[in-house]
Amino acid sequence: MTSHSPRLGWLGTGRMGAAMAGRLVDAGEQVVVWNRTKAKTNPLVAKGATAVDRITDLGSCDIVFVMVSTPHDLEQVVCGEAGLLSGTDKPGLIVDCSTVSMEMSAAVREVTQAAGSSFLAAPVSGNPHVVAEGGACIVASGPLASFERAQPHLLQIAKTAVHAGEQEQSRLVKIAHNLYLGMMVQALVEVTTLVEKSGTDRAAFLEFLNGTVLGSDWVRKRTPDLIKRDWTPTFTTELLRKDFDLGLEAARALEVPMPVSSSVHQLIQSAIGVGLRDEDFLSLYEQQAKNAALFEEQA
């Protein structure tokens, strides 16, 4: 870090936010952090970040990154009565890395620009472990100059940072990514359950699958969890449902048929209904196995 390095703010230090901000701190950046539950900033402070008590204290930063869970959260922390833009000082650039609707993103962009700041929508692909290992990918949209200003820091967080357009295009790119991820997981648990009920060991099938051209780094990384039925959350079933809600809403608006996504959406809802709301979304296996009476077969 040099004396000319920008002062970076980070708003939201949950699992993903902490991992992303941590990479900036580890890169030697000057990072100021805020979180609703202040104790969640402690690990970052221990690494060298500075915690503040109010969101508006981030206003003096050159660039403020935001990572929150829902569209409502984004609106509140940026545009609310005590939000980022309510203070006297306002950051030159707000980079939102959350996964929210195009409509909310556009609304927050409009308020941000009216306040004299720039707004970049920059959702991220990857769970906290992937982020920590430097394997995340970011897709951004907004003014090209804003992207170029943020890009060096985005590449400290992720291995890839792509500019997808001048408005809200990155939001739908990320939502489409998560739709595909949900469909892929449902397909994986369906075929796993099928062969498992026939008498094939789950671990043996996954070892075979991972050795074929259909194998992927993500499936190989998550195979131990699926074998052990370890649903420690990296991305919860509830958050996946939120993204399917957003994706299918966009599909209706654009008149795009989404038959597979619509079916998987109902299966996600079913999993939430039986108590898997806060589990990792790989727990779709549990609902699939139950539907197939797999556990009764093994009893």
Protein backbone atom coordinates (compact mmCIF):
# COMPACT_ATOMS: atom_id res chain seq x y z
CA MET A 1 0.00 0.00 0.00
CA THR A 2 1.29 3.45 -0.90
CA SER A 3 0.32 6.87 0.40
CA HIS A 4 -1.79 7.27 -2.75
CA SER A 5 -3.85 4.12 -2.14
CA PRO A 6 -7.57 4.83 -1.86
CA ARG A 7 -9.37 4.43 1.42
CA LEU A 8 -11.75 1.51 1.03
CA GLY A 9 -14.94 0.96 2.99
CA TRP A 10 -16.73 -2.35 3.48
CA LEU A 11 -20.38 -2.52 4.49
CA GLY A 12 -21.61 -5.98 5.56
CA THR A 13 -19.28 -8.57 7.08
CA GLY A 14 -21.30 -11.76 7.05
CA ARG A 15 -19.72 -14.95 5.72
CA MET A 16 -19.21 -13.65 2.18
CA GLY A 17 -18.50 -10.03 3.10
CA ALA A 18 -15.86 -11.02 5.64
CA ALA A 19 -14.09 -13.29 3.17
CA MET A 20 -14.06 -10.62 0.46
CA ALA A 21 -12.99 -7.78 2.72
CA GLY A 22 -10.35 -10.06 4.18
CA ARG A 23 -8.69 -10.40 0.81
CA LEU A 24 -8.41 -6.60 0.54
CA VAL A 25 -6.89 -6.40 4.01
CA ASP A 26 -4.48 -9.22 3.19
CA ALA A 27 -3.46 -7.31 0.04
CA GLY A 28 -2.37 -4.41 2.24
CA GLU A 29 -5.28 -2.10 1.50
CA GLN A 30 -6.58 0.42 4.03
CA VAL A 31 -10.05 -0.97 4.81
CA VAL A 32 -12.74 0.51 7.06
CA VAL A 33 -15.57 -1.87 7.98
CA TRP A 34 -19.11 -1.64 9.33
CA ASN A 35 -21.61 -4.35 10.20
CA ARG A 36 -24.96 -4.26 11.98
CA THR A 37 -23.59 -6.78 14.51
CA LYS A 38 -20.26 -5.16 15.28
CA ALA A 39 -18.71 -8.32 16.74
CA LYS A 40 -18.66 -9.78 13.22
CA THR A 41 -16.04 -7.20 12.26
CA ASN A 42 -13.61 -8.41 14.96
CA PRO A 43 -11.71 -10.95 12.79
CA LEU A 44 -11.11 -8.25 10.17
CA VAL A 45 -9.97 -5.75 12.79
CA ALA A 46 -7.55 -8.36 14.10
CA LYS A 47 -6.07 -8.56 10.57
CA GLY A 48 -5.66 -4.78 10.29
CA ALA A 49 -9.03 -3.29 9.30
CA THR A 50 -10.65 -0.41 11.18
CA ALA A 51 -14.23 -0.77 12.45
CA VAL A 52 -16.64 2.18 12.68
CA ASP A 53 -19.86 2.56 14.63
CA ARG A 54 -22.09 4.15 11.99
CA ILE A 55 -22.65 3.49 8.31
CA THR A 56 -22.17 7.19 7.60
CA ASP A 57 -18.63 6.93 8.97
CA LEU A 58 -17.82 5.12 5.70
CA GLY A 59 -18.78 8.24 3.73
CA SER A 60 -15.23 9.59 3.80
CA CYS A 61 -13.94 6.50 1.96
CA ASP A 62 -13.06 6.74 -1.72
CA ILE A 63 -14.81 3.47 -2.60
CA VAL A 64 -17.34 1.61 -0.45
CA PHE A 65 -18.13 -2.05 -1.13
CA VAL A 66 -21.49 -3.46 -0.04
CA MET A 67 -22.37 -7.11 0.59
CA VAL A 68 -25.83 -7.73 2.06
CA SER A 69 -28.43 -10.50 1.79
CA THR A 70 -31.56 -9.01 0.26
CA PRO A 71 -32.77 -6.17 -2.00
CA HIS A 72 -34.44 -4.54 1.03
CA ASP A 73 -31.14 -4.64 2.93
CA LEU A 74 -29.37 -2.91 0.05
CA GLU A 75 -31.97 -0.16 -0.09
CA GLN A 76 -31.78 0.41 3.66
CA VAL A 77 -28.00 0.50 4.03
CA VAL A 78 -27.48 2.81 1.05
CA CYS A 79 -30.63 4.94 0.78
CA GLY A 80 -32.26 4.62 4.22
CA GLU A 81 -32.59 7.34 6.85
CA ALA A 82 -29.34 6.27 8.48
CA GLY A 83 -27.85 4.81 5.31
CA LEU A 84 -24.58 5.43 3.57
CA LEU A 85 -25.86 8.43 1.59
CA SER A 86 -27.52 10.13 4.56
CA GLY A 87 -24.31 11.62 5.93
CA THR A 88 -22.49 14.80 5.00
CA ASP A 89 -19.62 12.88 3.39
CA LYS A 90 -20.43 10.56 0.53
CA PRO A 91 -18.10 8.08 -1.17
CA GLY A 92 -17.13 8.70 -4.76
CA LEU A 93 -18.04 5.15 -5.76
CA ILE A 94 -20.33 2.50 -4.27
CA VAL A 95 -19.66 -1.06 -5.44
CA ASP A 96 -22.50 -3.42 -4.55
CA CYS A 97 -21.54 -7.09 -4.58
CA SER A 98 -24.91 -8.40 -3.37
CA THR A 99 -27.29 -10.50 -5.48
CA VAL A 100 -30.43 -8.38 -5.88
CA SER A 101 -33.08 -7.65 -8.50
CA MET A 102 -32.44 -5.45 -11.51
CA GLU A 103 -35.25 -3.18 -10.36
CA MET A 104 -33.77 -2.56 -6.91
CA SER A 105 -30.31 -2.11 -8.39
CA ALA A 106 -31.64 0.52 -10.81
CA ALA A 107 -33.46 2.33 -8.00
CA VAL A 108 -30.36 2.45 -5.78
CA ARG A 109 -28.25 3.54 -8.76
CA GLU A 110 -30.61 6.46 -9.39
CA VAL A 111 -30.47 7.63 -5.77
CA THR A 112 -26.70 7.23 -5.66
CA GLN A 113 -26.18 9.26 -8.81
CA ALA A 114 -28.53 11.98 -7.54
CA ALA A 115 -26.35 12.19 -4.43
CA GLY A 116 -23.29 12.82 -6.59
CA SER A 117 -21.71 9.36 -6.30
CA SER A 118 -21.23 6.60 -8.85
CA PHE A 119 -22.68 3.09 -8.56
CA LEU A 120 -21.28 -0.21 -9.80
CA ALA A 121 -23.28 -3.44 -9.58
CA ALA A 122 -20.71 -6.19 -9.05
CA PRO A 123 -22.20 -9.49 -7.83
CA VAL A 124 -19.80 -12.31 -7.10
CA SER A 125 -19.77 -16.03 -7.86
CA GLY A 126 -18.24 -18.22 -5.19
CA ASN A 127 -18.83 -19.21 -1.57
CA PRO A 128 -16.68 -17.93 1.33
CA HIS A 129 -14.19 -20.79 0.93
CA VAL A 130 -13.79 -20.13 -2.80
CA VAL A 131 -13.36 -16.40 -2.11
CA ALA A 132 -10.73 -17.03 0.56
CA GLU A 133 -8.79 -19.23 -1.88
CA GLY A 134 -8.87 -16.54 -4.57
CA GLY A 135 -11.17 -18.46 -6.90
CA ALA A 136 -14.19 -16.14 -7.02
CA CYS A 137 -15.48 -14.43 -10.18
CA ILE A 138 -17.12 -11.00 -10.36
CA VAL A 139 -19.38 -9.63 -13.07
CA ALA A 140 -19.92 -5.87 -13.01
CA SER A 141 -22.12 -3.33 -14.75
CA GLY A 142 -22.27 0.44 -14.60
CA PRO A 143 -20.21 3.26 -16.13
CA LEU A 144 -17.04 1.89 -17.70
CA ALA A 145 -14.96 4.52 -15.89
CA SER A 146 -16.34 3.31 -12.55
CA PHE A 147 -15.50 -0.27 -13.44
CA GLU A 148 -11.96 0.68 -14.39
CA ARG A 149 -11.59 2.54 -11.11
CA ALA A 150 -12.76 -0.46 -9.09
CA GLN A 151 -11.18 -3.20 -11.20
CA PRO A 152 -7.80 -3.36 -9.43
CA HIS A 153 -9.58 -3.97 -6.13
CA LEU A 154 -12.06 -6.41 -7.66
CA LEU A 155 -9.07 -8.41 -8.89
CA GLN A 156 -7.65 -8.44 -5.37
CA ILE A 157 -10.87 -10.13 -4.31
CA ALA A 158 -11.49 -12.42 -7.29
CA LYS A 159 -9.56 -14.10 -10.11
CA THR A 160 -11.90 -12.64 -12.75
CA ALA A 161 -13.75 -9.33 -13.03
CA VAL A 162 -15.81 -8.80 -16.18
CA HIS A 163 -17.68 -5.67 -17.32
CA ALA A 164 -21.09 -6.73 -18.70
CA GLY A 165 -22.70 -3.39 -19.55
CA GLU A 166 -23.51 0.15 -18.48
CA GLN A 167 -26.70 -0.53 -16.48
CA GLU A 168 -27.99 -3.57 -14.54
CA GLN A 169 -26.85 -6.38 -16.84
CA SER A 170 -24.60 -7.94 -14.21
CA ARG A 171 -27.56 -8.59 -11.94
CA LEU A 172 -29.24 -10.90 -14.42
CA VAL A 173 -25.93 -12.54 -15.34
CA LYS A 174 -25.39 -13.48 -11.68
CA ILE A 175 -28.99 -14.60 -11.18
CA ALA A 176 -28.76 -16.75 -14.32
CA HIS A 177 -25.58 -18.27 -12.90
CA ASN A 178 -27.41 -19.19 -9.69
CA LEU A 179 -30.37 -20.61 -11.60
CA TYR A 180 -27.95 -22.89 -13.43
CA LEU A 181 -26.25 -23.82 -10.17
CA GLY A 182 -29.58 -24.81 -8.59
CA MET A 183 -30.60 -26.84 -11.66
CA MET A 184 -27.20 -28.54 -11.71
CA VAL A 185 -27.45 -29.54 -8.05
CA GLN A 186 -30.97 -30.89 -8.48
CA ALA A 187 -29.79 -32.93 -11.47
CA LEU A 188 -26.84 -34.22 -9.45
CA VAL A 189 -28.94 -35.34 -6.48
CA GLU A 190 -31.52 -36.96 -8.78
CA VAL A 191 -29.04 -39.20 -10.58
CA THR A 192 -27.18 -39.92 -7.35
CA THR A 193 -30.39 -41.03 -5.67
CA LEU A 194 -31.33 -43.17 -8.68
CA VAL A 195 -28.13 -45.22 -8.69
CA GLU A 196 -27.98 -45.31 -4.90
CA LYS A 197 -31.45 -46.85 -4.67
CA SER A 198 -30.38 -49.49 -7.17
CA GLY A 199 -27.68 -50.59 -4.73
CA THR A 200 -24.65 -48.56 -5.86
CA ASP A 201 -22.67 -46.85 -3.11
CA ARG A 202 -23.03 -43.06 -3.25
CA ALA A 203 -19.28 -42.50 -2.93
CA ALA A 204 -18.53 -44.95 -5.74
CA PHE A 205 -20.93 -43.24 -8.12
CA LEU A 206 -19.53 -39.80 -7.36
CA GLU A 207 -15.97 -41.04 -7.82
CA PHE A 208 -16.95 -42.36 -11.25
CA LEU A 209 -18.82 -39.17 -12.21
CA ASN A 210 -15.92 -36.94 -11.16
CA GLY A 211 -13.59 -38.88 -13.43
CA THR A 212 -15.72 -38.33 -16.52
CA VAL A 213 -16.03 -35.31 -18.81
CA LEU A 214 -19.13 -34.36 -16.79
CA GLY A 215 -17.06 -33.84 -13.66
CA SER A 216 -16.39 -30.28 -12.48
CA ASP A 217 -14.23 -28.59 -9.88
CA TRP A 218 -17.35 -27.58 -7.95
CA VAL A 219 -18.80 -31.10 -7.80
CA ARG A 220 -15.42 -32.56 -6.86
CA LYS A 221 -15.04 -29.99 -4.08
CA ARG A 222 -18.53 -30.68 -2.71
CA THR A 223 -18.40 -34.48 -3.08
CA PRO A 224 -17.17 -35.10 0.52
CA ASP A 225 -20.11 -33.08 1.86
CA LEU A 226 -22.60 -35.02 -0.24
CA ILE A 227 -21.10 -38.34 0.83
CA LYS A 228 -21.22 -37.38 4.53
CA ARG A 229 -24.54 -35.53 4.20
CA ASP A 230 -22.86 -32.51 5.76
CA TRP A 231 -25.11 -29.52 5.10
CA THR A 232 -23.04 -26.88 6.88
CA PRO A 233 -24.14 -23.79 4.97
CA THR A 234 -22.02 -22.14 2.33
CA PHE A 235 -25.13 -20.91 0.50
CA THR A 236 -28.46 -21.67 2.10
CA THR A 237 -31.57 -23.13 0.51
CA GLU A 238 -33.44 -19.95 1.45
CA LEU A 239 -30.94 -17.75 -0.41
CA LEU A 240 -31.18 -20.04 -3.43
CA ARG A 241 -34.96 -19.65 -3.39
CA LYS A 242 -34.53 -15.87 -3.34
CA ASP A 243 -32.42 -16.04 -6.50
CA PHE A 244 -34.91 -18.35 -8.23
CA ASP A 245 -37.67 -15.89 -7.32
CA LEU A 246 -35.64 -13.09 -8.92
CA GLY A 247 -34.73 -15.14 -11.99
CA LEU A 248 -38.25 -16.32 -12.73
CA GLU A 249 -39.56 -12.80 -12.21
CA ALA A 250 -37.08 -11.55 -14.82
CA ALA A 251 -38.04 -14.39 -17.16
CA ARG A 252 -41.72 -13.43 -16.95
CA ALA A 253 -40.88 -9.81 -17.69
CA LEU A 254 -38.76 -10.80 -20.69
CA GLU A 255 -41.22 -13.49 -21.89
CA VAL A 256 -38.62 -16.27 -21.66
CA PRO A 257 -39.94 -19.80 -20.91
CA MET A 258 -38.06 -21.47 -18.04
CA PRO A 259 -39.54 -24.97 -17.63
CA VAL A 260 -36.59 -26.57 -15.83
CA SER A 261 -36.00 -23.60 -13.53
CA SER A 262 -39.71 -23.51 -12.63
CA SER A 263 -39.69 -27.18 -11.62
CA VAL A 264 -36.53 -26.80 -9.54
CA HIS A 265 -38.03 -23.72 -7.87
CA GLN A 266 -40.85 -25.88 -6.53
CA LEU A 267 -38.41 -28.52 -5.30
CA ILE A 268 -36.45 -25.83 -3.45
CA GLN A 269 -39.70 -24.64 -1.90
CA SER A 270 -40.47 -28.20 -0.87
CA ALA A 271 -37.07 -28.55 0.80
CA ILE A 272 -37.63 -25.35 2.74
CA GLY A 273 -41.05 -26.59 3.76
CA VAL A 274 -39.60 -29.70 5.43
CA GLY A 275 -37.06 -27.74 7.47
CA LEU A 276 -34.01 -27.33 5.22
CA ARG A 277 -34.29 -23.53 5.00
CA ASP A 278 -31.01 -22.74 6.76
CA GLU A 279 -29.03 -25.72 5.50
CA ASP A 280 -26.63 -25.67 2.57
CA PHE A 281 -28.53 -25.93 -0.72
CA LEU A 282 -26.77 -29.24 -1.40
CA SER A 283 -29.32 -30.57 1.13
CA LEU A 284 -31.70 -30.81 -1.83
CA TYR A 285 -30.36 -34.37 -1.72
CA GLU A 286 -32.30 -34.97 1.49
CA GLN A 287 -35.62 -34.06 -0.11
CA GLN A 288 -34.84 -36.06 -3.24
CA ALA A 289 -33.87 -39.12 -1.20
CA LYS A 290 -37.03 -38.78 0.86
CA ASN A 291 -39.18 -38.54 -2.27
CA ALA A 292 -37.52 -41.70 -3.56
CA ALA A 293 -38.03 -43.51 -0.23
CA LEU A 294 -34.28 -44.14 -0.30
CA PHE A 295 -33.81 -44.14 3.45
CA GLU A 296 -36.71 -46.54 3.93
CA GLU A 297 -35.03 -48.88 1.44
CA GLN A 298 -31.81 -48.72 3.45
CA ALA A 299 -33.50 -49.15 6.86
